[in-house]
Amino acid sequence: MIKHIVMWQIKDNTNFGSKEEVLNLAKEKIEGLRNKISEIVYLEVGINYNYENAYDLVLYSEFKKDEDLKAYAVHPEHLKVVDFMKEIVVSRASVDYEVK
């Protein structure tokens, strides 16, 4: 099982509304991928409520194997979300690891 975790710090000002609206829109777009990309085994998105931390949004997802994660990475629906995220993100961190 491959675990894929991504964290984003969101810009305070965007063309998509307040920061709260942008966080909810990003969450909705990312969560929508679970019904569009068959390689996703599990997907969860959380909005940080502890504002002392650096990141505002987190994705936790699972894939059966590395090839599935790679297919997800280049999937057209995922790339649409990536393009949106690039417009609203200050910084991003990610980690992928395997659980046997």
PDB file of N, CA and C in Angstrom:
ATOM      1  N   MET A   1       0.847  -1.172   0.000  1.00  0.00           N
ATOM      2  CA  MET A   1       0.000   0.000   0.000  1.00  0.00           C
ATOM      3  C   MET A   1       0.897   1.241   0.000  1.00  0.00           C
ATOM      4  N   ILE A   2       0.580   2.191  -0.877  1.00  0.00           N
ATOM      5  CA  ILE A   2       1.312   3.446  -0.968  1.00  0.00           C
ATOM      6  C   ILE A   2       0.469   4.544  -0.319  1.00  0.00           C
ATOM      7  N   LYS A   3       1.089   5.280   0.586  1.00  0.00           N
ATOM      8  CA  LYS A   3       0.444   6.430   1.231  1.00  0.00           C
ATOM      9  C   LYS A   3       1.016   7.691   0.584  1.00  0.00           C
ATOM     10  N   HIS A   4       0.133   8.615   0.236  1.00  0.00           N
ATOM     11  CA  HIS A   4       0.506   9.866  -0.427  1.00  0.00           C
ATOM     12  C   HIS A   4      -0.086  11.006   0.387  1.00  0.00           C
ATOM     13  N   ILE A   5       0.787  11.845   0.949  1.00  0.00           N
ATOM     14  CA  ILE A   5       0.340  12.950   1.782  1.00  0.00           C
ATOM     15  C   ILE A   5       0.884  14.252   1.200  1.00  0.00           C
ATOM     16  N   VAL A   6      -0.007  15.238   1.079  1.00  0.00           N
ATOM     17  CA  VAL A   6       0.378  16.546   0.566  1.00  0.00           C
ATOM     18  C   VAL A   6      -0.206  17.610   1.495  1.00  0.00           C
ATOM     19  N   MET A   7       0.600  18.644   1.771  1.00  0.00           N
ATOM     20  CA  MET A   7       0.135  19.767   2.571  1.00  0.00           C
ATOM     21  C   MET A   7       0.370  21.054   1.790  1.00  0.00           C
ATOM     22  N   TRP A   8      -0.581  21.977   1.896  1.00  0.00           N
ATOM     23  CA  TRP A   8      -0.478  23.248   1.194  1.00  0.00           C
ATOM     24  C   TRP A   8      -0.690  24.421   2.143  1.00  0.00           C
ATOM     25  N   GLN A   9       0.056  25.478   1.909  1.00  0.00           N
ATOM     26  CA  GLN A   9      -0.212  26.757   2.535  1.00  0.00           C
ATOM     27  C   GLN A   9      -0.884  27.600   1.461  1.00  0.00           C
ATOM     28  N   ILE A  10      -2.047  28.139   1.768  1.00  0.00           N
ATOM     29  CA  ILE A  10      -2.864  28.850   0.793  1.00  0.00           C
ATOM     30  C   ILE A  10      -2.637  30.361   0.912  1.00  0.00           C
ATOM     31  N   LYS A  11      -2.645  31.048  -0.230  1.00  0.00           N
ATOM     32  CA  LYS A  11      -2.509  32.500  -0.254  1.00  0.00           C
ATOM     33  C   LYS A  11      -3.658  33.143   0.519  1.00  0.00           C
ATOM     34  N   ASP A  12      -3.369  34.270   1.148  1.00  0.00           N
ATOM     35  CA  ASP A  12      -4.416  35.011   1.856  1.00  0.00           C
ATOM     36  C   ASP A  12      -5.372  35.685   0.882  1.00  0.00           C
ATOM     37  N   ASN A  13      -4.871  36.093  -0.279  1.00  0.00           N
ATOM     38  CA  ASN A  13      -5.699  36.785  -1.266  1.00  0.00           C
ATOM     39  C   ASN A  13      -5.626  36.075  -2.614  1.00  0.00           C
ATOM     40  N   THR A  14      -6.785  35.678  -3.123  1.00  0.00           N
ATOM     41  CA  THR A  14      -6.877  35.067  -4.452  1.00  0.00           C
ATOM     42  C   THR A  14      -8.091  35.651  -5.165  1.00  0.00           C
ATOM     43  N   ASN A  15      -8.284  35.268  -6.397  1.00  0.00           N
ATOM     44  CA  ASN A  15      -9.462  35.699  -7.159  1.00  0.00           C
ATOM     45  C   ASN A  15     -10.666  34.788  -6.928  1.00  0.00           C
ATOM     46  N   PHE A  16     -10.553  33.875  -5.973  1.00  0.00           N
ATOM     47  CA  PHE A  16     -11.601  32.872  -5.754  1.00  0.00           C
ATOM     48  C   PHE A  16     -12.383  33.104  -4.466  1.00  0.00           C
ATOM     49  N   GLY A  17     -12.274  34.282  -3.865  1.00  0.00           N
ATOM     50  CA  GLY A  17     -13.025  34.580  -2.654  1.00  0.00           C
ATOM     51  C   GLY A  17     -12.140  34.642  -1.426  1.00  0.00           C
ATOM     52  N   SER A  18     -12.774  34.592  -0.271  1.00  0.00           N
ATOM     53  CA  SER A  18     -12.047  34.638   0.994  1.00  0.00           C
ATOM     54  C   SER A  18     -11.194  33.382   1.147  1.00  0.00           C
ATOM     55  N   LYS A  19     -10.258  33.435   2.074  1.00  0.00           N
ATOM     56  CA  LYS A  19      -9.407  32.262   2.299  1.00  0.00           C
ATOM     57  C   LYS A  19     -10.260  31.056   2.682  1.00  0.00           C
ATOM     58  N   GLU A  20     -11.270  31.264   3.508  1.00  0.00           N
ATOM     59  CA  GLU A  20     -12.164  30.165   3.895  1.00  0.00           C
ATOM     60  C   GLU A  20     -12.874  29.582   2.677  1.00  0.00           C
ATOM     61  N   GLU A  21     -13.358  30.449   1.794  1.00  0.00           N
ATOM     62  CA  GLU A  21     -14.029  29.979   0.572  1.00  0.00           C
ATOM     63  C   GLU A  21     -13.063  29.206  -0.319  1.00  0.00           C
ATOM     64  N   VAL A  22     -11.839  29.706  -0.425  1.00  0.00           N
ATOM     65  CA  VAL A  22     -10.826  29.050  -1.259  1.00  0.00           C
ATOM     66  C   VAL A  22     -10.477  27.678  -0.685  1.00  0.00           C
ATOM     67  N   LEU A  23     -10.323  27.593   0.633  1.00  0.00           N
ATOM     68  CA  LEU A  23     -10.026  26.302   1.266  1.00  0.00           C
ATOM     69  C   LEU A  23     -11.151  25.301   1.012  1.00  0.00           C
ATOM     70  N   ASN A  24     -12.379  25.746   1.152  1.00  0.00           N
ATOM     71  CA  ASN A  24     -13.515  24.841   0.913  1.00  0.00           C
ATOM     72  C   ASN A  24     -13.612  24.427  -0.547  1.00  0.00           C
ATOM     73  N   LEU A  25     -13.322  25.347  -1.468  1.00  0.00           N
ATOM     74  CA  LEU A  25     -13.333  25.020  -2.897  1.00  0.00           C
ATOM     75  C   LEU A  25     -12.236  24.023  -3.233  1.00  0.00           C
ATOM     76  N   ALA A  26     -11.036  24.247  -2.702  1.00  0.00           N
ATOM     77  CA  ALA A  26      -9.930  23.314  -2.943  1.00  0.00           C
ATOM     78  C   ALA A  26     -10.267  21.937  -2.394  1.00  0.00           C
ATOM     79  N   LYS A  27     -10.815  21.894  -1.189  1.00  0.00           N
ATOM     80  CA  LYS A  27     -11.214  20.620  -0.564  1.00  0.00           C
ATOM     81  C   LYS A  27     -12.214  19.890  -1.449  1.00  0.00           C
ATOM     82  N   GLU A  28     -13.204  20.620  -1.943  1.00  0.00           N
ATOM     83  CA  GLU A  28     -14.235  20.027  -2.809  1.00  0.00           C
ATOM     84  C   GLU A  28     -13.628  19.472  -4.106  1.00  0.00           C
ATOM     85  N   LYS A  29     -12.738  20.237  -4.717  1.00  0.00           N
ATOM     86  CA  LYS A  29     -12.114  19.795  -5.972  1.00  0.00           C
ATOM     87  C   LYS A  29     -11.264  18.542  -5.754  1.00  0.00           C
ATOM     88  N   ILE A  30     -10.476  18.529  -4.684  1.00  0.00           N
ATOM     89  CA  ILE A  30      -9.621  17.366  -4.413  1.00  0.00           C
ATOM     90  C   ILE A  30     -10.473  16.146  -4.085  1.00  0.00           C
ATOM     91  N   GLU A  31     -11.476  16.325  -3.230  1.00  0.00           N
ATOM     92  CA  GLU A  31     -12.343  15.194  -2.871  1.00  0.00           C
ATOM     93  C   GLU A  31     -13.087  14.643  -4.082  1.00  0.00           C
ATOM     94  N   GLY A  32     -13.378  15.482  -5.057  1.00  0.00           N
ATOM     95  CA  GLY A  32     -14.057  15.038  -6.269  1.00  0.00           C
ATOM     96  C   GLY A  32     -13.249  14.047  -7.079  1.00  0.00           C
ATOM     97  N   LEU A  33     -11.944  14.016  -6.864  1.00  0.00           N
ATOM     98  CA  LEU A  33     -11.088  13.096  -7.619  1.00  0.00           C
ATOM     99  C   LEU A  33     -11.370  11.635  -7.275  1.00  0.00           C
ATOM    100  N   ARG A  34     -11.841  11.385  -6.069  1.00  0.00           N
ATOM    101  CA  ARG A  34     -12.036   9.983  -5.662  1.00  0.00           C
ATOM    102  C   ARG A  34     -13.069   9.271  -6.532  1.00  0.00           C
ATOM    103  N   ASN A  35     -13.993  10.004  -7.132  1.00  0.00           N
ATOM    104  CA  ASN A  35     -15.001   9.401  -8.013  1.00  0.00           C
ATOM    105  C   ASN A  35     -14.595   9.432  -9.483  1.00  0.00           C
ATOM    106  N   LYS A  36     -13.453  10.055  -9.767  1.00  0.00           N
ATOM    107  CA  LYS A  36     -13.019  10.212 -11.148  1.00  0.00           C
ATOM    108  C   LYS A  36     -11.771   9.405 -11.494  1.00  0.00           C
ATOM    109  N   ILE A  37     -11.019   8.999 -10.477  1.00  0.00           N
ATOM    110  CA  ILE A  37      -9.755   8.301 -10.719  1.00  0.00           C
ATOM    111  C   ILE A  37      -9.805   6.956  -9.998  1.00  0.00           C
ATOM    112  N   SER A  38      -9.897   5.886 -10.766  1.00  0.00           N
ATOM    113  CA  SER A  38     -10.124   4.557 -10.191  1.00  0.00           C
ATOM    114  C   SER A  38      -8.954   4.042  -9.358  1.00  0.00           C
ATOM    115  N   GLU A  39      -7.764   4.556  -9.582  1.00  0.00           N
ATOM    116  CA  GLU A  39      -6.589   4.076  -8.841  1.00  0.00           C
ATOM    117  C   GLU A  39      -6.594   4.506  -7.372  1.00  0.00           C
ATOM    118  N   ILE A  40      -7.399   5.481  -7.024  1.00  0.00           N
ATOM    119  CA  ILE A  40      -7.464   5.948  -5.633  1.00  0.00           C
ATOM    120  C   ILE A  40      -8.199   4.911  -4.794  1.00  0.00           C
ATOM    121  N   VAL A  41      -7.527   4.399  -3.768  1.00  0.00           N
ATOM    122  CA  VAL A  41      -8.146   3.463  -2.832  1.00  0.00           C
ATOM    123  C   VAL A  41      -8.872   4.243  -1.740  1.00  0.00           C
ATOM    124  N   TYR A  42      -8.236   5.292  -1.235  1.00  0.00           N
ATOM    125  CA  TYR A  42      -8.806   6.098  -0.155  1.00  0.00           C
ATOM    126  C   TYR A  42      -8.293   7.513  -0.318  1.00  0.00           C
ATOM    127  N   LEU A  43      -9.150   8.481  -0.019  1.00  0.00           N
ATOM    128  CA  LEU A  43      -8.760   9.875  -0.125  1.00  0.00           C
ATOM    129  C   LEU A  43      -9.490  10.666   0.951  1.00  0.00           C
ATOM    130  N   GLU A  44      -8.728  11.500   1.648  1.00  0.00           N
ATOM    131  CA  GLU A  44      -9.283  12.328   2.720  1.00  0.00           C
ATOM    132  C   GLU A  44      -8.613  13.694   2.647  1.00  0.00           C
ATOM    133  N   VAL A  45      -9.388  14.758   2.807  1.00  0.00           N
ATOM    134  CA  VAL A  45      -8.857  16.119   2.779  1.00  0.00           C
ATOM    135  C   VAL A  45      -9.289  16.824   4.047  1.00  0.00           C
ATOM    136  N   GLY A  46      -8.358  17.507   4.695  1.00  0.00           N
ATOM    137  CA  GLY A  46      -8.681  18.238   5.913  1.00  0.00           C
ATOM    138  C   GLY A  46      -8.208  19.675   5.842  1.00  0.00           C
ATOM    139  N   ILE A  47      -9.026  20.554   6.447  1.00  0.00           N
ATOM    140  CA  ILE A  47      -8.677  21.962   6.584  1.00  0.00           C
ATOM    141  C   ILE A  47      -8.169  22.165   8.003  1.00  0.00           C
ATOM    142  N   ASN A  48      -6.997  22.757   8.124  1.00  0.00           N
ATOM    143  CA  ASN A  48      -6.361  22.965   9.420  1.00  0.00           C
ATOM    144  C   ASN A  48      -7.161  23.976  10.250  1.00  0.00           C
ATOM    145  N   TYR A  49      -7.490  23.624  11.468  1.00  0.00           N
ATOM    146  CA  TYR A  49      -8.168  24.557  12.365  1.00  0.00           C
ATOM    147  C   TYR A  49      -7.190  25.193  13.354  1.00  0.00           C
ATOM    148  N   ASN A  50      -5.938  24.731  13.384  1.00  0.00           N
ATOM    149  CA  ASN A  50      -4.918  25.248  14.284  1.00  0.00           C
ATOM    150  C   ASN A  50      -4.037  26.215  13.504  1.00  0.00           C
ATOM    151  N   TYR A  51      -4.360  27.499  13.580  1.00  0.00           N
ATOM    152  CA  TYR A  51      -3.700  28.486  12.725  1.00  0.00           C
ATOM    153  C   TYR A  51      -2.254  28.768  13.092  1.00  0.00           C
ATOM    154  N   GLU A  52      -1.736  28.164  14.148  1.00  0.00           N
ATOM    155  CA  GLU A  52      -0.332  28.326  14.498  1.00  0.00           C
ATOM    156  C   GLU A  52       0.564  27.474  13.601  1.00  0.00           C
ATOM    157  N   ASN A  53      -0.010  26.501  12.915  1.00  0.00           N
ATOM    158  CA  ASN A  53       0.760  25.646  12.015  1.00  0.00           C
ATOM    159  C   ASN A  53       0.911  26.308  10.654  1.00  0.00           C
ATOM    160  N   ALA A  54       1.915  25.912   9.900  1.00  0.00           N
ATOM    161  CA  ALA A  54       2.242  26.554   8.631  1.00  0.00           C
ATOM    162  C   ALA A  54       1.315  26.160   7.490  1.00  0.00           C
ATOM    163  N   TYR A  55       0.721  24.999   7.536  1.00  0.00           N
ATOM    164  CA  TYR A  55      -0.070  24.524   6.400  1.00  0.00           C
ATOM    165  C   TYR A  55      -1.559  24.610   6.685  1.00  0.00           C
ATOM    166  N   ASP A  56      -2.321  24.942   5.635  1.00  0.00           N
ATOM    167  CA  ASP A  56      -3.758  25.165   5.759  1.00  0.00           C
ATOM    168  C   ASP A  56      -4.609  23.965   5.358  1.00  0.00           C
ATOM    169  N   LEU A  57      -4.082  23.134   4.460  1.00  0.00           N
ATOM    170  CA  LEU A  57      -4.869  22.060   3.860  1.00  0.00           C
ATOM    171  C   LEU A  57      -4.001  20.824   3.723  1.00  0.00           C
ATOM    172  N   VAL A  58      -4.585  19.658   3.955  1.00  0.00           N
ATOM    173  CA  VAL A  58      -3.823  18.412   3.842  1.00  0.00           C
ATOM    174  C   VAL A  58      -4.632  17.370   3.072  1.00  0.00           C
ATOM    175  N   LEU A  59      -3.920  16.607   2.263  1.00  0.00           N
ATOM    176  CA  LEU A  59      -4.485  15.462   1.545  1.00  0.00           C
ATOM    177  C   LEU A  59      -3.812  14.205   2.064  1.00  0.00           C
ATOM    178  N   TYR A  60      -4.618  13.222   2.433  1.00  0.00           N
ATOM    179  CA  TYR A  60      -4.116  11.892   2.783  1.00  0.00           C
ATOM    180  C   TYR A  60      -4.778  10.939   1.798  1.00  0.00           C
ATOM    181  N   SER A  61      -3.971  10.188   1.055  1.00  0.00           N
ATOM    182  CA  SER A  61      -4.551   9.253   0.096  1.00  0.00           C
ATOM    183  C   SER A  61      -3.754   7.953   0.067  1.00  0.00           C
ATOM    184  N   GLU A  62      -4.420   6.907  -0.420  1.00  0.00           N
ATOM    185  CA  GLU A  62      -3.810   5.578  -0.488  1.00  0.00           C
ATOM    186  C   GLU A  62      -3.991   4.990  -1.880  1.00  0.00           C
ATOM    187  N   PHE A  63      -2.957   4.253  -2.304  1.00  0.00           N
ATOM    188  CA  PHE A  63      -2.944   3.570  -3.592  1.00  0.00           C
ATOM    189  C   PHE A  63      -2.407   2.165  -3.378  1.00  0.00           C
ATOM    190  N   LYS A  64      -2.869   1.219  -4.179  1.00  0.00           N
ATOM    191  CA  LYS A  64      -2.429  -0.173  -4.017  1.00  0.00           C
ATOM    192  C   LYS A  64      -0.949  -0.349  -4.321  1.00  0.00           C
ATOM    193  N   LYS A  65      -0.458   0.364  -5.335  1.00  0.00           N
ATOM    194  CA  LYS A  65       0.947   0.190  -5.742  1.00  0.00           C
ATOM    195  C   LYS A  65       1.466   1.492  -6.343  1.00  0.00           C
ATOM    196  N   ASP A  66       2.775   1.567  -6.489  1.00  0.00           N
ATOM    197  CA  ASP A  66       3.425   2.769  -7.003  1.00  0.00           C
ATOM    198  C   ASP A  66       2.917   3.142  -8.395  1.00  0.00           C
ATOM    199  N   GLU A  67       2.656   2.166  -9.232  1.00  0.00           N
ATOM    200  CA  GLU A  67       2.159   2.428 -10.576  1.00  0.00           C
ATOM    201  C   GLU A  67       0.816   3.164 -10.534  1.00  0.00           C
ATOM    202  N   ASP A  68      -0.001   2.854  -9.539  1.00  0.00           N
ATOM    203  CA  ASP A  68      -1.293   3.535  -9.399  1.00  0.00           C
ATOM    204  C   ASP A  68      -1.094   5.001  -9.011  1.00  0.00           C
ATOM    205  N   LEU A  69      -0.153   5.269  -8.125  1.00  0.00           N
ATOM    206  CA  LEU A  69       0.161   6.649  -7.753  1.00  0.00           C
ATOM    207  C   LEU A  69       0.676   7.415  -8.972  1.00  0.00           C
ATOM    208  N   LYS A  70       1.509   6.767  -9.767  1.00  0.00           N
ATOM    209  CA  LYS A  70       2.037   7.412 -10.978  1.00  0.00           C
ATOM    210  C   LYS A  70       0.919   7.692 -11.986  1.00  0.00           C
ATOM    211  N   ALA A  71      -0.026   6.771 -12.113  1.00  0.00           N
ATOM    212  CA  ALA A  71      -1.159   6.986 -13.017  1.00  0.00           C
ATOM    213  C   ALA A  71      -2.028   8.148 -12.529  1.00  0.00           C
ATOM    214  N   TYR A  72      -2.235   8.224 -11.223  1.00  0.00           N
ATOM    215  CA  TYR A  72      -2.973   9.331 -10.609  1.00  0.00           C
ATOM    216  C   TYR A  72      -2.287  10.663 -10.906  1.00  0.00           C
ATOM    217  N   ALA A  73      -0.974  10.687 -10.784  1.00  0.00           N
ATOM    218  CA  ALA A  73      -0.206  11.922 -10.954  1.00  0.00           C
ATOM    219  C   ALA A  73      -0.387  12.548 -12.330  1.00  0.00           C
ATOM    220  N   VAL A  74      -0.581  11.734 -13.358  1.00  0.00           N
ATOM    221  CA  VAL A  74      -0.707  12.250 -14.725  1.00  0.00           C
ATOM    222  C   VAL A  74      -2.144  12.202 -15.256  1.00  0.00           C
ATOM    223  N   HIS A  75      -3.080  11.787 -14.421  1.00  0.00           N
ATOM    224  CA  HIS A  75      -4.479  11.698 -14.841  1.00  0.00           C
ATOM    225  C   HIS A  75      -5.001  13.107 -15.160  1.00  0.00           C
ATOM    226  N   PRO A  76      -5.709  13.284 -16.273  1.00  0.00           N
ATOM    227  CA  PRO A  76      -6.201  14.608 -16.668  1.00  0.00           C
ATOM    228  C   PRO A  76      -7.039  15.316 -15.594  1.00  0.00           C
ATOM    229  N   GLU A  77      -7.851  14.570 -14.861  1.00  0.00           N
ATOM    230  CA  GLU A  77      -8.666  15.183 -13.802  1.00  0.00           C
ATOM    231  C   GLU A  77      -7.786  15.682 -12.659  1.00  0.00           C
ATOM    232  N   HIS A  78      -6.750  14.928 -12.330  1.00  0.00           N
ATOM    233  CA  HIS A  78      -5.807  15.367 -11.301  1.00  0.00           C
ATOM    234  C   HIS A  78      -5.067  16.614 -11.768  1.00  0.00           C
ATOM    235  N   LEU A  79      -4.668  16.641 -13.020  1.00  0.00           N
ATOM    236  CA  LEU A  79      -3.921  17.786 -13.550  1.00  0.00           C
ATOM    237  C   LEU A  79      -4.764  19.058 -13.549  1.00  0.00           C
ATOM    238  N   LYS A  80      -6.080  18.945 -13.721  1.00  0.00           N
ATOM    239  CA  LYS A  80      -6.964  20.116 -13.607  1.00  0.00           C
ATOM    240  C   LYS A  80      -6.901  20.690 -12.195  1.00  0.00           C
ATOM    241  N   VAL A  81      -6.927  19.811 -11.203  1.00  0.00           N
ATOM    242  CA  VAL A  81      -6.855  20.257  -9.811  1.00  0.00           C
ATOM    243  C   VAL A  81      -5.477  20.847  -9.523  1.00  0.00           C
ATOM    244  N   VAL A  82      -4.441  20.235 -10.058  1.00  0.00           N
ATOM    245  CA  VAL A  82      -3.076  20.762  -9.886  1.00  0.00           C
ATOM    246  C   VAL A  82      -2.998  22.190 -10.423  1.00  0.00           C
ATOM    247  N   ASP A  83      -3.567  22.434 -11.588  1.00  0.00           N
ATOM    248  CA  ASP A  83      -3.549  23.782 -12.165  1.00  0.00           C
ATOM    249  C   ASP A  83      -4.251  24.778 -11.254  1.00  0.00           C
ATOM    250  N   PHE A  84      -5.388  24.392 -10.695  1.00  0.00           N
ATOM    251  CA  PHE A  84      -6.104  25.260  -9.755  1.00  0.00           C
ATOM    252  C   PHE A  84      -5.252  25.527  -8.519  1.00  0.00           C
ATOM    253  N   MET A  85      -4.666  24.473  -7.963  1.00  0.00           N
ATOM    254  CA  MET A  85      -3.872  24.617  -6.741  1.00  0.00           C
ATOM    255  C   MET A  85      -2.685  25.549  -6.961  1.00  0.00           C
ATOM    256  N   LYS A  86      -2.074  25.490  -8.127  1.00  0.00           N
ATOM    257  CA  LYS A  86      -0.932  26.367  -8.423  1.00  0.00           C
ATOM    258  C   LYS A  86      -1.314  27.843  -8.325  1.00  0.00           C
ATOM    259  N   GLU A  87      -2.584  28.155  -8.592  1.00  0.00           N
ATOM    260  CA  GLU A  87      -3.048  29.547  -8.532  1.00  0.00           C
ATOM    261  C   GLU A  87      -3.258  30.027  -7.097  1.00  0.00           C
ATOM    262  N   ILE A  88      -3.455  29.124  -6.154  1.00  0.00           N
ATOM    263  CA  ILE A  88      -3.832  29.536  -4.801  1.00  0.00           C
ATOM    264  C   ILE A  88      -2.791  29.217  -3.733  1.00  0.00           C
ATOM    265  N   VAL A  89      -1.707  28.545  -4.108  1.00  0.00           N
ATOM    266  CA  VAL A  89      -0.767  28.015  -3.125  1.00  0.00           C
ATOM    267  C   VAL A  89       0.468  28.903  -2.960  1.00  0.00           C
ATOM    268  N   VAL A  90       0.863  29.070  -1.692  1.00  0.00           N
ATOM    269  CA  VAL A  90       2.113  29.730  -1.348  1.00  0.00           C
ATOM    270  C   VAL A  90       3.232  28.695  -1.298  1.00  0.00           C
ATOM    271  N   SER A  91       2.964  27.586  -0.622  1.00  0.00           N
ATOM    272  CA  SER A  91       3.968  26.518  -0.523  1.00  0.00           C
ATOM    273  C   SER A  91       3.275  25.170  -0.417  1.00  0.00           C
ATOM    274  N   ARG A  92       4.065  24.126  -0.702  1.00  0.00           N
ATOM    275  CA  ARG A  92       3.547  22.757  -0.746  1.00  0.00           C
ATOM    276  C   ARG A  92       4.625  21.823  -0.222  1.00  0.00           C
ATOM    277  N   ALA A  93       4.191  20.801   0.495  1.00  0.00           N
ATOM    278  CA  ALA A  93       5.103  19.739   0.940  1.00  0.00           C
ATOM    279  C   ALA A  93       4.386  18.417   0.721  1.00  0.00           C
ATOM    280  N   SER A  94       5.157  17.383   0.385  1.00  0.00           N
ATOM    281  CA  SER A  94       4.537  16.074   0.182  1.00  0.00           C
ATOM    282  C   SER A  94       5.486  14.960   0.592  1.00  0.00           C
ATOM    283  N   VAL A  95       4.873  13.814   0.850  1.00  0.00           N
ATOM    284  CA  VAL A  95       5.649  12.606   1.158  1.00  0.00           C
ATOM    285  C   VAL A  95       4.860  11.412   0.639  1.00  0.00           C
ATOM    286  N   ASP A  96       5.577  10.454   0.090  1.00  0.00           N
ATOM    287  CA  ASP A  96       5.015   9.179  -0.347  1.00  0.00           C
ATOM    288  C   ASP A  96       5.805   8.085   0.352  1.00  0.00           C
ATOM    289  N   TYR A  97       5.080   7.108   0.910  1.00  0.00           N
ATOM    290  CA  TYR A  97       5.772   5.995   1.557  1.00  0.00           C
ATOM    291  C   TYR A  97       4.964   4.724   1.387  1.00  0.00           C
ATOM    292  N   GLU A  98       5.673   3.612   1.509  1.00  0.00           N
ATOM    293  CA  GLU A  98       5.057   2.307   1.309  1.00  0.00           C
ATOM    294  C   GLU A  98       4.883   1.608   2.650  1.00  0.00           C
ATOM    295  N   VAL A  99       3.710   1.005   2.827  1.00  0.00           N
ATOM    296  CA  VAL A  99       3.431   0.198   4.002  1.00  0.00           C
ATOM    297  C   VAL A  99       3.246  -1.227   3.529  1.00  0.00           C
ATOM    298  N   LYS A 100       4.062  -2.131   4.065  1.00  0.00           N
ATOM    299  CA  LYS A 100       3.988  -3.528   3.636  1.00  0.00           C
ATOM    300  C   LYS A 100       3.278  -4.369   4.670  1.00  0.00           C
TER     301      LYS A 100
END
